Amino acid sequence: MEARYIVDENGKRVGVILPVEEYERMVEALEDLEDIRLYDEAKAEIERGEDEVIPLEQAVREIEEGRVPKDGS
């Protein structure tokens, strides 16, 4: 990794400069890890009986039924 550090008057590292591509790769990796964490959390809730699994078709139908047209009618 090609990083440069910003230091304070005491030489303590207080910041870092990364190439944009490296920063974007790190952000994407963190987002992937967050998705995995949320999946694991949801799976654990189902296993504990705190949530339920419903078929995709049912979920879509329930979402569509709950929508209000943009004109408010």
PDB file of N, CA and C in Angstrom:
ATOM      1  N   MET A   1       0.855  -1.168   0.000  1.00  0.00           N
ATOM      2  CA  MET A   1       0.000   0.000   0.000  1.00  0.00           C
ATOM      3  C   MET A   1       0.905   1.237   0.000  1.00  0.00           C
ATOM      4  N   GLU A   2       0.557   2.160  -0.827  1.00  0.00           N
ATOM      5  CA  GLU A   2       1.326   3.394  -0.972  1.00  0.00           C
ATOM      6  C   GLU A   2       0.670   4.490  -0.138  1.00  0.00           C
ATOM      7  N   ALA A   3       1.101   4.627   1.122  1.00  0.00           N
ATOM      8  CA  ALA A   3       0.499   5.614   2.018  1.00  0.00           C
ATOM      9  C   ALA A   3       1.550   6.610   2.476  1.00  0.00           C
ATOM     10  N   ARG A   4       1.105   7.843   2.629  1.00  0.00           N
ATOM     11  CA  ARG A   4       1.951   8.880   3.215  1.00  0.00           C
ATOM     12  C   ARG A   4       1.228   9.383   4.449  1.00  0.00           C
ATOM     13  N   TYR A   5       2.007   9.702   5.457  1.00  0.00           N
ATOM     14  CA  TYR A   5       1.420  10.110   6.729  1.00  0.00           C
ATOM     15  C   TYR A   5       1.576  11.598   6.967  1.00  0.00           C
ATOM     16  N   ILE A   6       0.588  12.146   7.647  1.00  0.00           N
ATOM     17  CA  ILE A   6       0.642  13.528   8.115  1.00  0.00           C
ATOM     18  C   ILE A   6       0.977  13.442   9.598  1.00  0.00           C
ATOM     19  N   VAL A   7       1.965  14.192  10.021  1.00  0.00           N
ATOM     20  CA  VAL A   7       2.378  14.137  11.425  1.00  0.00           C
ATOM     21  C   VAL A   7       2.203  15.505  12.072  1.00  0.00           C
ATOM     22  N   ASP A   8       2.018  15.486  13.391  1.00  0.00           N
ATOM     23  CA  ASP A   8       1.911  16.750  14.117  1.00  0.00           C
ATOM     24  C   ASP A   8       3.312  17.242  14.488  1.00  0.00           C
ATOM     25  N   GLU A   9       3.371  18.314  15.274  1.00  0.00           N
ATOM     26  CA  GLU A   9       4.662  18.906  15.628  1.00  0.00           C
ATOM     27  C   GLU A   9       5.535  17.992  16.474  1.00  0.00           C
ATOM     28  N   ASN A  10       4.924  16.949  17.064  1.00  0.00           N
ATOM     29  CA  ASN A  10       5.674  15.984  17.876  1.00  0.00           C
ATOM     30  C   ASN A  10       6.056  14.732  17.090  1.00  0.00           C
ATOM     31  N   GLY A  11       5.706  14.710  15.815  1.00  0.00           N
ATOM     32  CA  GLY A  11       6.017  13.546  14.991  1.00  0.00           C
ATOM     33  C   GLY A  11       4.983  12.435  15.079  1.00  0.00           C
ATOM     34  N   LYS A  12       3.888  12.681  15.796  1.00  0.00           N
ATOM     35  CA  LYS A  12       2.827  11.676  15.927  1.00  0.00           C
ATOM     36  C   LYS A  12       1.992  11.665  14.657  1.00  0.00           C
ATOM     37  N   ARG A  13       1.729  10.460  14.137  1.00  0.00           N
ATOM     38  CA  ARG A  13       0.902  10.332  12.939  1.00  0.00           C
ATOM     39  C   ARG A  13      -0.539  10.729  13.263  1.00  0.00           C
ATOM     40  N   VAL A  14      -1.072  11.667  12.509  1.00  0.00           N
ATOM     41  CA  VAL A  14      -2.434  12.154  12.754  1.00  0.00           C
ATOM     42  C   VAL A  14      -3.314  12.019  11.522  1.00  0.00           C
ATOM     43  N   GLY A  15      -2.759  11.631  10.404  1.00  0.00           N
ATOM     44  CA  GLY A  15      -3.532  11.483   9.179  1.00  0.00           C
ATOM     45  C   GLY A  15      -2.770  10.653   8.177  1.00  0.00           C
ATOM     46  N   VAL A  16      -3.463  10.288   7.118  1.00  0.00           N
ATOM     47  CA  VAL A  16      -2.849   9.474   6.078  1.00  0.00           C
ATOM     48  C   VAL A  16      -3.345   9.931   4.716  1.00  0.00           C
ATOM     49  N   ILE A  17      -2.480   9.856   3.739  1.00  0.00           N
ATOM     50  CA  ILE A  17      -2.836  10.170   2.356  1.00  0.00           C
ATOM     51  C   ILE A  17      -2.690   8.885   1.559  1.00  0.00           C
ATOM     52  N   LEU A  18      -3.767   8.497   0.892  1.00  0.00           N
ATOM     53  CA  LEU A  18      -3.789   7.277   0.075  1.00  0.00           C
ATOM     54  C   LEU A  18      -4.150   7.624  -1.357  1.00  0.00           C
ATOM     55  N   PRO A  19      -3.713   6.807  -2.302  1.00  0.00           N
ATOM     56  CA  PRO A  19      -4.221   6.966  -3.662  1.00  0.00           C
ATOM     57  C   PRO A  19      -5.738   6.710  -3.657  1.00  0.00           C
ATOM     58  N   VAL A  20      -6.465   7.415  -4.493  1.00  0.00           N
ATOM     59  CA  VAL A  20      -7.926   7.292  -4.536  1.00  0.00           C
ATOM     60  C   VAL A  20      -8.340   5.849  -4.780  1.00  0.00           C
ATOM     61  N   GLU A  21      -7.650   5.157  -5.667  1.00  0.00           N
ATOM     62  CA  GLU A  21      -8.006   3.766  -5.972  1.00  0.00           C
ATOM     63  C   GLU A  21      -7.904   2.882  -4.737  1.00  0.00           C
ATOM     64  N   GLU A  22      -6.877   3.083  -3.934  1.00  0.00           N
ATOM     65  CA  GLU A  22      -6.703   2.306  -2.703  1.00  0.00           C
ATOM     66  C   GLU A  22      -7.799   2.638  -1.698  1.00  0.00           C
ATOM     67  N   TYR A  23      -8.121   3.903  -1.564  1.00  0.00           N
ATOM     68  CA  TYR A  23      -9.194   4.325  -0.661  1.00  0.00           C
ATOM     69  C   TYR A  23     -10.519   3.686  -1.076  1.00  0.00           C
ATOM     70  N   GLU A  24     -10.841   3.742  -2.365  1.00  0.00           N
ATOM     71  CA  GLU A  24     -12.101   3.168  -2.858  1.00  0.00           C
ATOM     72  C   GLU A  24     -12.136   1.662  -2.652  1.00  0.00           C
ATOM     73  N   ARG A  25     -11.003   0.989  -2.814  1.00  0.00           N
ATOM     74  CA  ARG A  25     -10.949  -0.450  -2.587  1.00  0.00           C
ATOM     75  C   ARG A  25     -11.220  -0.757  -1.113  1.00  0.00           C
ATOM     76  N   MET A  26     -10.646   0.039  -0.225  1.00  0.00           N
ATOM     77  CA  MET A  26     -10.862  -0.162   1.205  1.00  0.00           C
ATOM     78  C   MET A  26     -12.322   0.083   1.596  1.00  0.00           C
ATOM     79  N   VAL A  27     -12.924   1.123   1.043  1.00  0.00           N
ATOM     80  CA  VAL A  27     -14.329   1.415   1.335  1.00  0.00           C
ATOM     81  C   VAL A  27     -15.211   0.267   0.851  1.00  0.00           C
ATOM     82  N   GLU A  28     -14.951  -0.242  -0.341  1.00  0.00           N
ATOM     83  CA  GLU A  28     -15.734  -1.361  -0.872  1.00  0.00           C
ATOM     84  C   GLU A  28     -15.585  -2.600   0.007  1.00  0.00           C
ATOM     85  N   ALA A  29     -14.367  -2.870   0.471  1.00  0.00           N
ATOM     86  CA  ALA A  29     -14.141  -4.018   1.352  1.00  0.00           C
ATOM     87  C   ALA A  29     -14.905  -3.851   2.666  1.00  0.00           C
ATOM     88  N   LEU A  30     -14.917  -2.638   3.217  1.00  0.00           N
ATOM     89  CA  LEU A  30     -15.667  -2.385   4.454  1.00  0.00           C
ATOM     90  C   LEU A  30     -17.166  -2.560   4.246  1.00  0.00           C
ATOM     91  N   GLU A  31     -17.671  -2.122   3.090  1.00  0.00           N
ATOM     92  CA  GLU A  31     -19.088  -2.296   2.790  1.00  0.00           C
ATOM     93  C   GLU A  31     -19.427  -3.776   2.667  1.00  0.00           C
ATOM     94  N   ASP A  32     -18.545  -4.558   2.041  1.00  0.00           N
ATOM     95  CA  ASP A  32     -18.754  -6.004   1.935  1.00  0.00           C
ATOM     96  C   ASP A  32     -18.800  -6.644   3.318  1.00  0.00           C
ATOM     97  N   LEU A  33     -17.889  -6.242   4.196  1.00  0.00           N
ATOM     98  CA  LEU A  33     -17.881  -6.775   5.554  1.00  0.00           C
ATOM     99  C   LEU A  33     -19.156  -6.408   6.309  1.00  0.00           C
ATOM    100  N   GLU A  34     -19.660  -5.205   6.096  1.00  0.00           N
ATOM    101  CA  GLU A  34     -20.906  -4.788   6.746  1.00  0.00           C
ATOM    102  C   GLU A  34     -22.074  -5.639   6.248  1.00  0.00           C
ATOM    103  N   ASP A  35     -22.102  -5.929   4.950  1.00  0.00           N
ATOM    104  CA  ASP A  35     -23.153  -6.793   4.402  1.00  0.00           C
ATOM    105  C   ASP A  35     -23.103  -8.178   5.045  1.00  0.00           C
ATOM    106  N   ILE A  36     -21.900  -8.716   5.210  1.00  0.00           N
ATOM    107  CA  ILE A  36     -21.742 -10.028   5.839  1.00  0.00           C
ATOM    108  C   ILE A  36     -22.218  -9.970   7.281  1.00  0.00           C
ATOM    109  N   ARG A  37     -21.874  -8.908   8.001  1.00  0.00           N
ATOM    110  CA  ARG A  37     -22.302  -8.771   9.394  1.00  0.00           C
ATOM    111  C   ARG A  37     -23.821  -8.714   9.500  1.00  0.00           C
ATOM    112  N   LEU A  38     -24.451  -7.948   8.609  1.00  0.00           N
ATOM    113  CA  LEU A  38     -25.911  -7.843   8.633  1.00  0.00           C
ATOM    114  C   LEU A  38     -26.574  -9.174   8.298  1.00  0.00           C
ATOM    115  N   TYR A  39     -25.996  -9.911   7.353  1.00  0.00           N
ATOM    116  CA  TYR A  39     -26.517 -11.236   7.012  1.00  0.00           C
ATOM    117  C   TYR A  39     -26.422 -12.158   8.218  1.00  0.00           C
ATOM    118  N   ASP A  40     -25.253 -12.189   8.859  1.00  0.00           N
ATOM    119  CA  ASP A  40     -25.061 -13.042  10.029  1.00  0.00           C
ATOM    120  C   ASP A  40     -26.033 -12.675  11.142  1.00  0.00           C
ATOM    121  N   GLU A  41     -26.255 -11.377  11.331  1.00  0.00           N
ATOM    122  CA  GLU A  41     -27.184 -10.909  12.367  1.00  0.00           C
ATOM    123  C   GLU A  41     -28.614 -11.364  12.048  1.00  0.00           C
ATOM    124  N   ALA A  42     -29.032 -11.213  10.804  1.00  0.00           N
ATOM    125  CA  ALA A  42     -30.380 -11.624  10.414  1.00  0.00           C
ATOM    126  C   ALA A  42     -30.552 -13.130  10.552  1.00  0.00           C
ATOM    127  N   LYS A  43     -29.544 -13.874  10.157  1.00  0.00           N
ATOM    128  CA  LYS A  43     -29.607 -15.329  10.261  1.00  0.00           C
ATOM    129  C   LYS A  43     -29.728 -15.754  11.725  1.00  0.00           C
ATOM    130  N   ALA A  44     -28.974 -15.104  12.604  1.00  0.00           N
ATOM    131  CA  ALA A  44     -29.035 -15.419  14.030  1.00  0.00           C
ATOM    132  C   ALA A  44     -30.411 -15.092  14.604  1.00  0.00           C
ATOM    133  N   GLU A  45     -31.020 -13.983  14.168  1.00  0.00           N
ATOM    134  CA  GLU A  45     -32.359 -13.625  14.641  1.00  0.00           C
ATOM    135  C   GLU A  45     -33.374 -14.683  14.229  1.00  0.00           C
ATOM    136  N   ILE A  46     -33.252 -15.192  13.024  1.00  0.00           N
ATOM    137  CA  ILE A  46     -34.160 -16.245  12.554  1.00  0.00           C
ATOM    138  C   ILE A  46     -33.961 -17.504  13.385  1.00  0.00           C
ATOM    139  N   GLU A  47     -32.702 -17.870  13.636  1.00  0.00           N
ATOM    140  CA  GLU A  47     -32.411 -19.074  14.418  1.00  0.00           C
ATOM    141  C   GLU A  47     -32.923 -18.958  15.847  1.00  0.00           C
ATOM    142  N   ARG A  48     -32.949 -17.738  16.395  1.00  0.00           N
ATOM    143  CA  ARG A  48     -33.463 -17.527  17.753  1.00  0.00           C
ATOM    144  C   ARG A  48     -34.986 -17.376  17.766  1.00  0.00           C
ATOM    145  N   GLY A  49     -35.610 -17.386  16.598  1.00  0.00           N
ATOM    146  CA  GLY A  49     -37.057 -17.235  16.513  1.00  0.00           C
ATOM    147  C   GLY A  49     -37.522 -15.807  16.631  1.00  0.00           C
ATOM    148  N   GLU A  50     -36.624 -14.837  16.479  1.00  0.00           N
ATOM    149  CA  GLU A  50     -36.974 -13.423  16.603  1.00  0.00           C
ATOM    150  C   GLU A  50     -37.452 -12.827  15.291  1.00  0.00           C
ATOM    151  N   ASP A  51     -37.298 -13.561  14.204  1.00  0.00           N
ATOM    152  CA  ASP A  51     -37.710 -13.082  12.885  1.00  0.00           C
ATOM    153  C   ASP A  51     -38.170 -14.284  12.080  1.00  0.00           C
ATOM    154  N   GLU A  52     -38.788 -14.037  10.949  1.00  0.00           N
ATOM    155  CA  GLU A  52     -39.260 -15.138  10.129  1.00  0.00           C
ATOM    156  C   GLU A  52     -38.843 -14.936   8.676  1.00  0.00           C
ATOM    157  N   VAL A  53     -38.786 -16.046   7.960  1.00  0.00           N
ATOM    158  CA  VAL A  53     -38.461 -16.011   6.540  1.00  0.00           C
ATOM    159  C   VAL A  53     -39.767 -16.085   5.771  1.00  0.00           C
ATOM    160  N   ILE A  54     -39.913 -15.186   4.789  1.00  0.00           N
ATOM    161  CA  ILE A  54     -41.095 -15.259   3.929  1.00  0.00           C
ATOM    162  C   ILE A  54     -40.622 -15.344   2.483  1.00  0.00           C
ATOM    163  N   PRO A  55     -41.410 -15.971   1.621  1.00  0.00           N
ATOM    164  CA  PRO A  55     -41.026 -16.075   0.212  1.00  0.00           C
ATOM    165  C   PRO A  55     -40.915 -14.693  -0.436  1.00  0.00           C
ATOM    166  N   LEU A  56     -40.023 -14.572  -1.406  1.00  0.00           N
ATOM    167  CA  LEU A  56     -39.804 -13.305  -2.090  1.00  0.00           C
ATOM    168  C   LEU A  56     -41.101 -12.766  -2.683  1.00  0.00           C
ATOM    169  N   GLU A  57     -41.877 -13.635  -3.309  1.00  0.00           N
ATOM    170  CA  GLU A  57     -43.127 -13.192  -3.938  1.00  0.00           C
ATOM    171  C   GLU A  57     -44.056 -12.550  -2.911  1.00  0.00           C
ATOM    172  N   GLN A  58     -44.119 -13.133  -1.721  1.00  0.00           N
ATOM    173  CA  GLN A  58     -44.959 -12.570  -0.654  1.00  0.00           C
ATOM    174  C   GLN A  58     -44.421 -11.219  -0.214  1.00  0.00           C
ATOM    175  N   ALA A  59     -43.120 -11.098  -0.070  1.00  0.00           N
ATOM    176  CA  ALA A  59     -42.521  -9.826   0.345  1.00  0.00           C
ATOM    177  C   ALA A  59     -42.814  -8.731  -0.668  1.00  0.00           C
ATOM    178  N   VAL A  60     -42.654  -9.050  -1.960  1.00  0.00           N
ATOM    179  CA  VAL A  60     -42.927  -8.066  -3.015  1.00  0.00           C
ATOM    180  C   VAL A  60     -44.395  -7.661  -2.984  1.00  0.00           C
ATOM    181  N   ARG A  61     -45.278  -8.627  -2.828  1.00  0.00           N
ATOM    182  CA  ARG A  61     -46.718  -8.346  -2.785  1.00  0.00           C
ATOM    183  C   ARG A  61     -47.049  -7.428  -1.608  1.00  0.00           C
ATOM    184  N   GLU A  62     -46.488  -7.717  -0.436  1.00  0.00           N
ATOM    185  CA  GLU A  62     -46.756  -6.894   0.739  1.00  0.00           C
ATOM    186  C   GLU A  62     -46.213  -5.474   0.561  1.00  0.00           C
ATOM    187  N   ILE A  63     -45.065  -5.362  -0.054  1.00  0.00           N
ATOM    188  CA  ILE A  63     -44.508  -4.027  -0.313  1.00  0.00           C
ATOM    189  C   ILE A  63     -45.394  -3.261  -1.273  1.00  0.00           C
ATOM    190  N   GLU A  64     -45.805  -3.919  -2.351  1.00  0.00           N
ATOM    191  CA  GLU A  64     -46.654  -3.259  -3.350  1.00  0.00           C
ATOM    192  C   GLU A  64     -48.002  -2.858  -2.744  1.00  0.00           C
ATOM    193  N   GLU A  65     -48.577  -3.685  -1.909  1.00  0.00           N
ATOM    194  CA  GLU A  65     -49.866  -3.378  -1.283  1.00  0.00           C
ATOM    195  C   GLU A  65     -49.764  -2.173  -0.347  1.00  0.00           C
ATOM    196  N   GLY A  66     -48.590  -1.966   0.230  1.00  0.00           N
ATOM    197  CA  GLY A  66     -48.407  -0.890   1.188  1.00  0.00           C
ATOM    198  C   GLY A  66     -48.047   0.438   0.550  1.00  0.00           C
ATOM    199  N   ARG A  67     -47.821   0.454  -0.751  1.00  0.00           N
ATOM    200  CA  ARG A  67     -47.430   1.690  -1.422  1.00  0.00           C
ATOM    201  C   ARG A  67     -48.632   2.597  -1.656  1.00  0.00           C
ATOM    202  N   VAL A  68     -48.383   3.883  -1.515  1.00  0.00           N
ATOM    203  CA  VAL A  68     -49.398   4.898  -1.793  1.00  0.00           C
ATOM    204  C   VAL A  68     -48.998   5.586  -3.092  1.00  0.00           C
ATOM    205  N   PRO A  69     -49.921   5.737  -4.035  1.00  0.00           N
ATOM    206  CA  PRO A  69     -49.578   6.435  -5.281  1.00  0.00           C
ATOM    207  C   PRO A  69     -49.032   7.825  -4.997  1.00  0.00           C
ATOM    208  N   LYS A  70     -48.141   8.305  -5.860  1.00  0.00           N
ATOM    209  CA  LYS A  70     -47.486   9.606  -5.659  1.00  0.00           C
ATOM    210  C   LYS A  70     -48.478  10.762  -5.614  1.00  0.00           C
ATOM    211  N   ASP A  71     -49.638  10.621  -6.265  1.00  0.00           N
ATOM    212  CA  ASP A  71     -50.605  11.717  -6.237  1.00  0.00           C
ATOM    213  C   ASP A  71     -51.454  11.722  -4.967  1.00  0.00           C
ATOM    214  N   GLY A  72     -51.169  10.742  -4.052  1.00  0.00           N
ATOM    215  CA  GLY A  72     -51.832  10.722  -2.751  1.00  0.00           C
ATOM    216  C   GLY A  72     -53.180  10.047  -2.754  1.00  0.00           C
ATOM    217  N   SER A  73     -53.634   9.548  -3.891  1.00  0.00           N
ATOM    218  CA  SER A  73     -54.970   8.907  -3.921  1.00  0.00           C
ATOM    219  C   SER A  73     -54.878   7.417  -3.731  1.00  0.00           C
TER     220      SER A  73
END
